[in-house]
N, C-alpha and C. Protein backbone atom coordinates (compact mmCIF):
# COMPACT_ATOMS: atom_id res chain seq x y z
N MET A 1 0.85 -1.19 0.00
CA MET A 1 0.00 0.00 0.00
C MET A 1 0.89 1.25 0.00
N LEU A 2 0.48 2.24 -0.76
CA LEU A 2 1.24 3.48 -0.83
C LEU A 2 1.00 4.34 0.40
N MET A 3 2.06 4.88 0.96
CA MET A 3 1.98 5.85 2.05
C MET A 3 3.35 6.51 2.19
N PRO A 4 3.40 7.73 2.71
CA PRO A 4 4.70 8.38 2.87
C PRO A 4 5.56 7.67 3.92
N LYS A 5 6.87 7.70 3.71
CA LYS A 5 7.79 7.11 4.70
C LYS A 5 7.74 7.90 6.00
N LYS A 6 7.69 9.23 5.88
CA LYS A 6 7.74 10.09 7.04
C LYS A 6 6.96 11.37 6.74
N THR A 7 6.23 11.88 7.72
CA THR A 7 5.52 13.14 7.55
C THR A 7 5.88 14.08 8.69
N LYS A 8 5.69 15.35 8.46
CA LYS A 8 6.01 16.34 9.49
C LYS A 8 5.02 16.25 10.65
N PHE A 9 3.72 16.06 10.31
CA PHE A 9 2.69 15.94 11.35
C PHE A 9 1.91 14.65 11.13
N ARG A 10 1.47 14.05 12.24
CA ARG A 10 0.78 12.77 12.18
C ARG A 10 -0.65 12.90 11.66
N LYS A 11 -1.32 13.99 12.03
CA LYS A 11 -2.73 14.17 11.67
C LYS A 11 -2.88 15.44 10.83
N MET A 12 -3.92 15.48 9.99
CA MET A 12 -4.11 16.60 9.09
C MET A 12 -5.58 16.99 9.08
N GLN A 13 -5.86 18.27 8.84
CA GLN A 13 -7.24 18.71 8.72
C GLN A 13 -7.80 18.33 7.35
N ARG A 14 -9.13 18.35 7.24
CA ARG A 14 -9.79 17.86 6.03
C ARG A 14 -9.51 18.74 4.81
N GLY A 15 -9.59 20.05 4.96
CA GLY A 15 -9.32 20.95 3.84
C GLY A 15 -10.50 21.04 2.87
N ARG A 16 -10.28 21.79 1.76
CA ARG A 16 -11.32 21.95 0.74
C ARG A 16 -10.75 21.59 -0.61
N MET A 17 -11.63 21.22 -1.54
CA MET A 17 -11.19 20.79 -2.87
C MET A 17 -11.83 21.66 -3.95
N ARG A 18 -11.70 22.96 -3.81
CA ARG A 18 -12.29 23.85 -4.80
C ARG A 18 -11.31 24.12 -5.91
N GLY A 19 -11.83 24.38 -7.10
CA GLY A 19 -11.00 24.81 -8.22
C GLY A 19 -10.30 23.69 -8.95
N MET A 20 -9.41 24.10 -9.85
CA MET A 20 -8.69 23.17 -10.71
C MET A 20 -7.40 22.70 -10.03
N SER A 21 -6.87 21.61 -10.54
CA SER A 21 -5.60 21.09 -10.04
C SER A 21 -4.48 22.07 -10.33
N LYS A 22 -3.56 22.20 -9.38
CA LYS A 22 -2.47 23.15 -9.54
C LYS A 22 -1.38 22.59 -10.45
N GLY A 23 -1.13 21.31 -10.37
CA GLY A 23 -0.09 20.69 -11.19
C GLY A 23 -0.61 19.45 -11.87
N ALA A 24 0.22 18.82 -12.68
CA ALA A 24 -0.09 17.56 -13.38
C ALA A 24 -1.32 17.69 -14.27
N ARG A 25 -1.40 18.79 -15.02
CA ARG A 25 -2.56 18.99 -15.90
C ARG A 25 -2.28 18.66 -17.36
N THR A 26 -1.03 18.35 -17.68
CA THR A 26 -0.67 17.97 -19.04
C THR A 26 0.08 16.65 -19.02
N LEU A 27 0.12 15.97 -20.16
CA LEU A 27 0.86 14.72 -20.27
C LEU A 27 2.35 15.02 -20.32
N GLN A 28 3.13 14.41 -19.44
CA GLN A 28 4.56 14.66 -19.35
C GLN A 28 5.40 13.48 -19.80
N PHE A 29 5.00 12.26 -19.43
CA PHE A 29 5.85 11.09 -19.62
C PHE A 29 5.35 10.16 -20.72
N GLY A 30 4.04 10.00 -20.85
CA GLY A 30 3.48 9.06 -21.81
C GLY A 30 2.73 9.76 -22.92
N ASP A 31 2.06 8.94 -23.75
CA ASP A 31 1.30 9.45 -24.89
C ASP A 31 -0.20 9.52 -24.60
N PHE A 32 -0.67 8.73 -23.64
CA PHE A 32 -2.09 8.67 -23.30
C PHE A 32 -2.24 8.79 -21.79
N GLY A 33 -3.38 9.32 -21.35
CA GLY A 33 -3.57 9.49 -19.92
C GLY A 33 -5.02 9.47 -19.51
N LEU A 34 -5.23 9.51 -18.20
CA LEU A 34 -6.56 9.52 -17.60
C LEU A 34 -6.68 10.79 -16.78
N MET A 35 -7.61 11.68 -17.17
CA MET A 35 -7.78 12.97 -16.52
C MET A 35 -9.02 12.95 -15.62
N ALA A 36 -8.90 13.50 -14.43
CA ALA A 36 -10.02 13.59 -13.49
C ALA A 36 -10.94 14.73 -13.91
N LEU A 37 -12.24 14.46 -13.92
CA LEU A 37 -13.23 15.49 -14.29
C LEU A 37 -13.91 16.09 -13.08
N GLU A 38 -13.67 15.53 -11.90
CA GLU A 38 -14.23 16.08 -10.67
C GLU A 38 -13.25 15.87 -9.53
N SER A 39 -13.45 16.62 -8.46
CA SER A 39 -12.56 16.56 -7.31
C SER A 39 -13.03 15.52 -6.31
N SER A 40 -12.06 14.84 -5.70
CA SER A 40 -12.39 13.83 -4.71
C SER A 40 -11.14 13.37 -3.99
N TRP A 41 -11.32 12.64 -2.88
CA TRP A 41 -10.22 11.93 -2.25
C TRP A 41 -10.14 10.57 -2.92
N VAL A 42 -8.96 10.17 -3.34
CA VAL A 42 -8.73 8.84 -3.89
C VAL A 42 -7.83 8.11 -2.90
N SER A 43 -8.32 7.01 -2.34
CA SER A 43 -7.59 6.31 -1.29
C SER A 43 -6.42 5.52 -1.86
N ALA A 44 -5.52 5.13 -0.98
CA ALA A 44 -4.35 4.36 -1.39
C ALA A 44 -4.76 3.01 -1.97
N ARG A 45 -5.83 2.43 -1.45
CA ARG A 45 -6.33 1.16 -1.98
C ARG A 45 -6.85 1.32 -3.41
N GLN A 46 -7.55 2.43 -3.68
CA GLN A 46 -8.07 2.66 -5.03
C GLN A 46 -6.93 2.91 -6.01
N ILE A 47 -5.90 3.63 -5.58
CA ILE A 47 -4.73 3.88 -6.45
C ILE A 47 -4.02 2.56 -6.74
N GLU A 48 -3.91 1.72 -5.73
CA GLU A 48 -3.26 0.41 -5.92
C GLU A 48 -4.07 -0.46 -6.86
N ALA A 49 -5.41 -0.45 -6.74
CA ALA A 49 -6.28 -1.21 -7.64
C ALA A 49 -6.13 -0.71 -9.07
N LEU A 50 -6.03 0.61 -9.23
CA LEU A 50 -5.81 1.21 -10.56
C LEU A 50 -4.49 0.74 -11.15
N ARG A 51 -3.43 0.78 -10.34
CA ARG A 51 -2.10 0.37 -10.80
C ARG A 51 -2.06 -1.10 -11.20
N VAL A 52 -2.68 -1.96 -10.39
CA VAL A 52 -2.71 -3.40 -10.67
C VAL A 52 -3.49 -3.68 -11.95
N ALA A 53 -4.64 -3.01 -12.12
CA ALA A 53 -5.47 -3.21 -13.32
C ALA A 53 -4.71 -2.81 -14.58
N VAL A 54 -3.99 -1.70 -14.52
CA VAL A 54 -3.23 -1.24 -15.69
C VAL A 54 -2.08 -2.19 -15.99
N ASN A 55 -1.32 -2.56 -14.97
CA ASN A 55 -0.17 -3.43 -15.18
C ASN A 55 -0.56 -4.83 -15.64
N ARG A 56 -1.74 -5.30 -15.23
CA ARG A 56 -2.22 -6.61 -15.67
C ARG A 56 -2.50 -6.61 -17.16
N HIS A 57 -3.04 -5.49 -17.66
CA HIS A 57 -3.35 -5.40 -19.10
C HIS A 57 -2.11 -5.10 -19.93
N LEU A 58 -1.17 -4.35 -19.37
CA LEU A 58 0.00 -3.90 -20.14
C LEU A 58 0.91 -5.05 -20.56
N LYS A 59 1.09 -6.04 -19.69
CA LYS A 59 2.04 -7.13 -19.90
C LYS A 59 3.44 -6.54 -20.11
N LYS A 60 4.06 -6.75 -21.29
CA LYS A 60 5.41 -6.23 -21.52
C LYS A 60 5.46 -5.24 -22.67
N VAL A 61 4.30 -4.77 -23.12
CA VAL A 61 4.24 -3.90 -24.30
C VAL A 61 4.57 -2.46 -23.97
N GLY A 62 3.87 -1.87 -23.02
CA GLY A 62 4.02 -0.44 -22.74
C GLY A 62 4.56 -0.18 -21.35
N LYS A 63 4.46 1.08 -20.95
CA LYS A 63 4.94 1.50 -19.64
C LYS A 63 3.90 2.42 -19.02
N SER A 64 3.73 2.32 -17.69
CA SER A 64 2.76 3.18 -17.00
C SER A 64 3.49 4.12 -16.07
N TYR A 65 2.93 5.32 -15.93
CA TYR A 65 3.48 6.35 -15.07
C TYR A 65 2.37 6.84 -14.15
N LEU A 66 2.46 6.52 -12.86
CA LEU A 66 1.46 6.93 -11.88
C LEU A 66 1.76 8.36 -11.46
N ARG A 67 0.76 9.24 -11.53
CA ARG A 67 0.98 10.66 -11.23
C ARG A 67 0.30 11.11 -9.94
N THR A 68 -0.20 10.18 -9.14
CA THR A 68 -0.83 10.54 -7.87
C THR A 68 -0.18 9.76 -6.74
N PHE A 69 -0.15 10.36 -5.56
CA PHE A 69 0.40 9.68 -4.39
C PHE A 69 -0.42 10.06 -3.16
N PRO A 70 -0.82 9.07 -2.36
CA PRO A 70 -1.61 9.37 -1.16
C PRO A 70 -0.74 9.91 -0.04
N ASP A 71 -0.81 11.21 0.20
CA ASP A 71 0.04 11.83 1.21
C ASP A 71 -0.76 12.52 2.32
N LYS A 72 -2.07 12.27 2.37
CA LYS A 72 -2.91 12.90 3.39
C LYS A 72 -3.49 11.82 4.30
N PRO A 73 -3.20 11.88 5.60
CA PRO A 73 -3.77 10.89 6.52
C PRO A 73 -5.22 11.25 6.87
N VAL A 74 -6.07 10.25 6.91
CA VAL A 74 -7.47 10.44 7.31
C VAL A 74 -7.66 9.72 8.63
N SER A 75 -8.10 10.45 9.64
CA SER A 75 -8.27 9.85 10.97
C SER A 75 -9.73 9.51 11.21
N LYS A 76 -9.94 8.47 12.01
CA LYS A 76 -11.29 8.05 12.38
C LYS A 76 -11.31 7.72 13.85
N LYS A 77 -12.44 8.02 14.49
CA LYS A 77 -12.59 7.64 15.90
C LYS A 77 -13.15 6.21 15.94
N PRO A 78 -12.85 5.46 16.99
CA PRO A 78 -13.37 4.10 17.08
C PRO A 78 -14.90 4.08 17.14
N ALA A 79 -15.51 2.96 16.77
CA ALA A 79 -16.96 2.81 16.81
C ALA A 79 -17.44 2.88 18.26
N GLU A 80 -18.63 3.43 18.44
CA GLU A 80 -19.28 3.53 19.75
C GLU A 80 -18.43 4.30 20.76
N THR A 81 -17.83 5.39 20.30
CA THR A 81 -17.05 6.26 21.18
C THR A 81 -17.80 7.56 21.36
N ARG A 82 -17.85 8.06 22.58
CA ARG A 82 -18.56 9.32 22.83
C ARG A 82 -17.77 10.49 22.27
N MET A 83 -18.48 11.62 22.10
CA MET A 83 -17.85 12.82 21.56
C MET A 83 -16.80 13.34 22.54
N GLY A 84 -15.85 14.08 21.99
CA GLY A 84 -14.78 14.61 22.82
C GLY A 84 -13.59 13.67 22.83
N LYS A 85 -12.71 13.83 23.78
CA LYS A 85 -11.52 12.99 23.93
C LYS A 85 -10.56 13.07 22.74
N GLY A 86 -10.61 14.16 21.99
CA GLY A 86 -9.61 14.40 20.95
C GLY A 86 -9.90 13.75 19.60
N LYS A 87 -9.00 14.01 18.70
CA LYS A 87 -9.10 13.52 17.31
C LYS A 87 -8.70 12.05 17.28
N GLY A 88 -9.33 11.30 16.38
CA GLY A 88 -9.03 9.87 16.25
C GLY A 88 -7.66 9.63 15.63
N ASN A 89 -7.26 8.37 15.59
CA ASN A 89 -5.97 7.99 15.03
C ASN A 89 -6.05 7.87 13.51
N PRO A 90 -4.95 8.11 12.78
CA PRO A 90 -4.94 7.95 11.32
C PRO A 90 -5.26 6.51 10.94
N GLU A 91 -6.24 6.35 10.05
CA GLU A 91 -6.69 5.02 9.64
C GLU A 91 -6.21 4.65 8.24
N PHE A 92 -6.27 5.61 7.29
CA PHE A 92 -5.84 5.32 5.93
C PHE A 92 -5.31 6.59 5.29
N TRP A 93 -4.75 6.46 4.10
CA TRP A 93 -4.14 7.58 3.38
C TRP A 93 -4.89 7.85 2.10
N VAL A 94 -5.01 9.13 1.73
CA VAL A 94 -5.70 9.52 0.50
C VAL A 94 -4.85 10.51 -0.29
N ALA A 95 -5.14 10.59 -1.57
CA ALA A 95 -4.57 11.62 -2.43
C ALA A 95 -5.70 12.59 -2.75
N VAL A 96 -5.47 13.87 -2.60
CA VAL A 96 -6.47 14.87 -2.94
C VAL A 96 -6.36 15.12 -4.44
N VAL A 97 -7.38 14.68 -5.20
CA VAL A 97 -7.37 14.82 -6.66
C VAL A 97 -8.38 15.89 -7.02
N LYS A 98 -7.90 16.94 -7.69
CA LYS A 98 -8.78 18.01 -8.13
C LYS A 98 -9.05 17.86 -9.62
N ARG A 99 -10.04 18.64 -10.11
CA ARG A 99 -10.40 18.59 -11.53
C ARG A 99 -9.20 18.93 -12.41
N GLY A 100 -9.02 18.18 -13.49
CA GLY A 100 -7.97 18.47 -14.45
C GLY A 100 -6.66 17.74 -14.21
N ARG A 101 -6.54 17.00 -13.13
CA ARG A 101 -5.30 16.29 -12.84
C ARG A 101 -5.19 15.01 -13.68
N ILE A 102 -4.00 14.77 -14.21
CA ILE A 102 -3.72 13.52 -14.91
C ILE A 102 -3.35 12.50 -13.84
N LEU A 103 -4.10 11.40 -13.77
CA LEU A 103 -3.90 10.41 -12.73
C LEU A 103 -2.84 9.38 -13.10
N ILE A 104 -2.87 8.92 -14.35
CA ILE A 104 -1.93 7.90 -14.80
C ILE A 104 -1.68 8.12 -16.29
N GLU A 105 -0.47 7.81 -16.72
CA GLU A 105 -0.10 7.93 -18.13
C GLU A 105 0.42 6.61 -18.65
N LEU A 106 0.19 6.36 -19.94
CA LEU A 106 0.70 5.17 -20.61
C LEU A 106 1.52 5.59 -21.82
N GLY A 107 2.56 4.82 -22.11
CA GLY A 107 3.40 5.14 -23.26
C GLY A 107 4.21 3.95 -23.72
N ASP A 108 5.17 4.20 -24.58
CA ASP A 108 6.11 3.20 -25.10
C ASP A 108 5.44 2.08 -25.90
N GLY A 109 5.06 2.38 -27.12
CA GLY A 109 4.63 1.34 -28.06
C GLY A 109 3.20 0.88 -27.93
N LEU A 110 2.31 1.68 -27.41
CA LEU A 110 0.89 1.31 -27.34
C LEU A 110 0.12 2.04 -28.42
N THR A 111 -0.87 1.37 -29.00
CA THR A 111 -1.75 2.06 -29.94
C THR A 111 -2.84 2.78 -29.14
N ARG A 112 -3.54 3.68 -29.81
CA ARG A 112 -4.59 4.47 -29.15
C ARG A 112 -5.71 3.57 -28.64
N THR A 113 -6.13 2.58 -29.45
CA THR A 113 -7.24 1.71 -29.04
C THR A 113 -6.85 0.84 -27.85
N GLU A 114 -5.62 0.32 -27.85
CA GLU A 114 -5.15 -0.48 -26.71
C GLU A 114 -5.14 0.36 -25.44
N ALA A 115 -4.58 1.57 -25.53
CA ALA A 115 -4.49 2.44 -24.37
C ALA A 115 -5.88 2.82 -23.87
N LYS A 116 -6.80 3.07 -24.78
CA LYS A 116 -8.14 3.47 -24.39
C LYS A 116 -8.85 2.35 -23.63
N THR A 117 -8.74 1.11 -24.11
CA THR A 117 -9.38 -0.01 -23.41
C THR A 117 -8.76 -0.25 -22.04
N ILE A 118 -7.42 -0.12 -21.95
CA ILE A 118 -6.73 -0.31 -20.67
C ILE A 118 -7.17 0.75 -19.67
N LEU A 119 -7.19 2.01 -20.09
CA LEU A 119 -7.54 3.10 -19.17
C LEU A 119 -9.01 3.11 -18.82
N GLU A 120 -9.88 2.66 -19.73
CA GLU A 120 -11.30 2.58 -19.40
C GLU A 120 -11.56 1.52 -18.35
N SER A 121 -10.85 0.38 -18.45
CA SER A 121 -11.02 -0.66 -17.42
C SER A 121 -10.45 -0.19 -16.09
N ALA A 122 -9.37 0.60 -16.13
CA ALA A 122 -8.78 1.13 -14.90
C ALA A 122 -9.66 2.20 -14.26
N ALA A 123 -10.38 2.96 -15.08
CA ALA A 123 -11.22 4.05 -14.57
C ALA A 123 -12.36 3.52 -13.69
N HIS A 124 -12.75 2.27 -13.89
CA HIS A 124 -13.81 1.68 -13.07
C HIS A 124 -13.38 1.50 -11.62
N LYS A 125 -12.10 1.54 -11.35
CA LYS A 125 -11.60 1.37 -9.99
C LYS A 125 -11.63 2.68 -9.20
N LEU A 126 -11.92 3.78 -9.87
CA LEU A 126 -11.85 5.10 -9.22
C LEU A 126 -13.24 5.62 -8.85
N PRO A 127 -13.33 6.44 -7.80
CA PRO A 127 -14.63 6.96 -7.37
C PRO A 127 -15.05 8.24 -8.10
N ILE A 128 -14.33 8.63 -9.16
CA ILE A 128 -14.61 9.88 -9.86
C ILE A 128 -14.79 9.64 -11.35
N ARG A 129 -15.42 10.62 -12.01
CA ARG A 129 -15.52 10.57 -13.47
C ARG A 129 -14.17 10.95 -14.05
N THR A 130 -13.77 10.25 -15.11
CA THR A 130 -12.48 10.53 -15.74
C THR A 130 -12.66 10.63 -17.25
N ARG A 131 -11.59 11.06 -17.91
CA ARG A 131 -11.63 11.24 -19.36
C ARG A 131 -10.30 10.76 -19.95
N PHE A 132 -10.36 10.05 -21.08
CA PHE A 132 -9.17 9.60 -21.79
C PHE A 132 -8.58 10.78 -22.54
N VAL A 133 -7.28 11.03 -22.37
CA VAL A 133 -6.62 12.12 -23.08
C VAL A 133 -5.46 11.56 -23.88
N ASP A 134 -5.17 12.25 -24.99
CA ASP A 134 -4.16 11.83 -25.95
C ASP A 134 -3.20 12.98 -26.18
N LYS A 135 -1.94 12.68 -26.43
CA LYS A 135 -0.95 13.73 -26.63
C LYS A 135 -1.16 14.46 -27.96
N THR A 136 -1.74 13.78 -28.96
CA THR A 136 -1.90 14.38 -30.28
C THR A 136 -3.04 15.41 -30.31
N GLU A 137 -4.13 15.13 -29.56
CA GLU A 137 -5.25 16.07 -29.58
C GLU A 137 -5.02 17.19 -28.58
N PRO A 138 -5.57 18.38 -28.84
CA PRO A 138 -5.39 19.49 -27.88
C PRO A 138 -6.09 19.15 -26.57
N LEU A 139 -5.46 19.52 -25.47
CA LEU A 139 -5.97 19.20 -24.15
C LEU A 139 -7.10 20.16 -23.77
N VAL A 140 -8.31 19.62 -23.57
CA VAL A 140 -9.45 20.40 -23.15
C VAL A 140 -9.58 20.25 -21.64
N GLN A 141 -9.53 21.35 -20.92
CA GLN A 141 -9.65 21.31 -19.47
C GLN A 141 -11.09 21.02 -19.05
N PRO A 142 -11.30 20.36 -17.90
CA PRO A 142 -12.64 19.99 -17.47
C PRO A 142 -13.57 21.16 -17.26
N SER A 143 -13.07 22.35 -17.00
CA SER A 143 -13.95 23.49 -16.80
C SER A 143 -14.70 23.83 -18.09
N ALA A 144 -14.11 23.53 -19.23
CA ALA A 144 -14.76 23.78 -20.52
C ALA A 144 -15.79 22.72 -20.83
N LEU A 145 -15.71 21.55 -20.17
CA LEU A 145 -16.64 20.45 -20.44
C LEU A 145 -17.94 20.60 -19.67
N ASN A 146 -17.94 21.36 -18.57
CA ASN A 146 -19.15 21.49 -17.73
C ASN A 146 -20.17 22.39 -18.34
């Protein structure tokens, strides 16, 4: 499971997910990618399921580049605990994914149809709507799609 080796603070506040992604909005490493169309927390388990699904289809033909990492701890209080007594312990890790972020890229010898089928099967593992993007076509940001 993905998680940071070390963090400055053990617990983190929830925060807000307004606006577009600040980085990772264009394809950098591969020719095809999966772009997020809405903001959400993507857990480390979901990212791992995405990675496994892509690598299972890729075999030895192409290469995948994961562009998200779960670096935010989410804390939960134990079941049947009364209010108060402080914040709960960190239970799992999430990546804050905003609109327009490229989640994963594929490259190295894949055709467009192969990449599209692989990324569509991988998109089912995520809790957000996504869009297949290609390096040849101009990149349309999700704000223009709404």
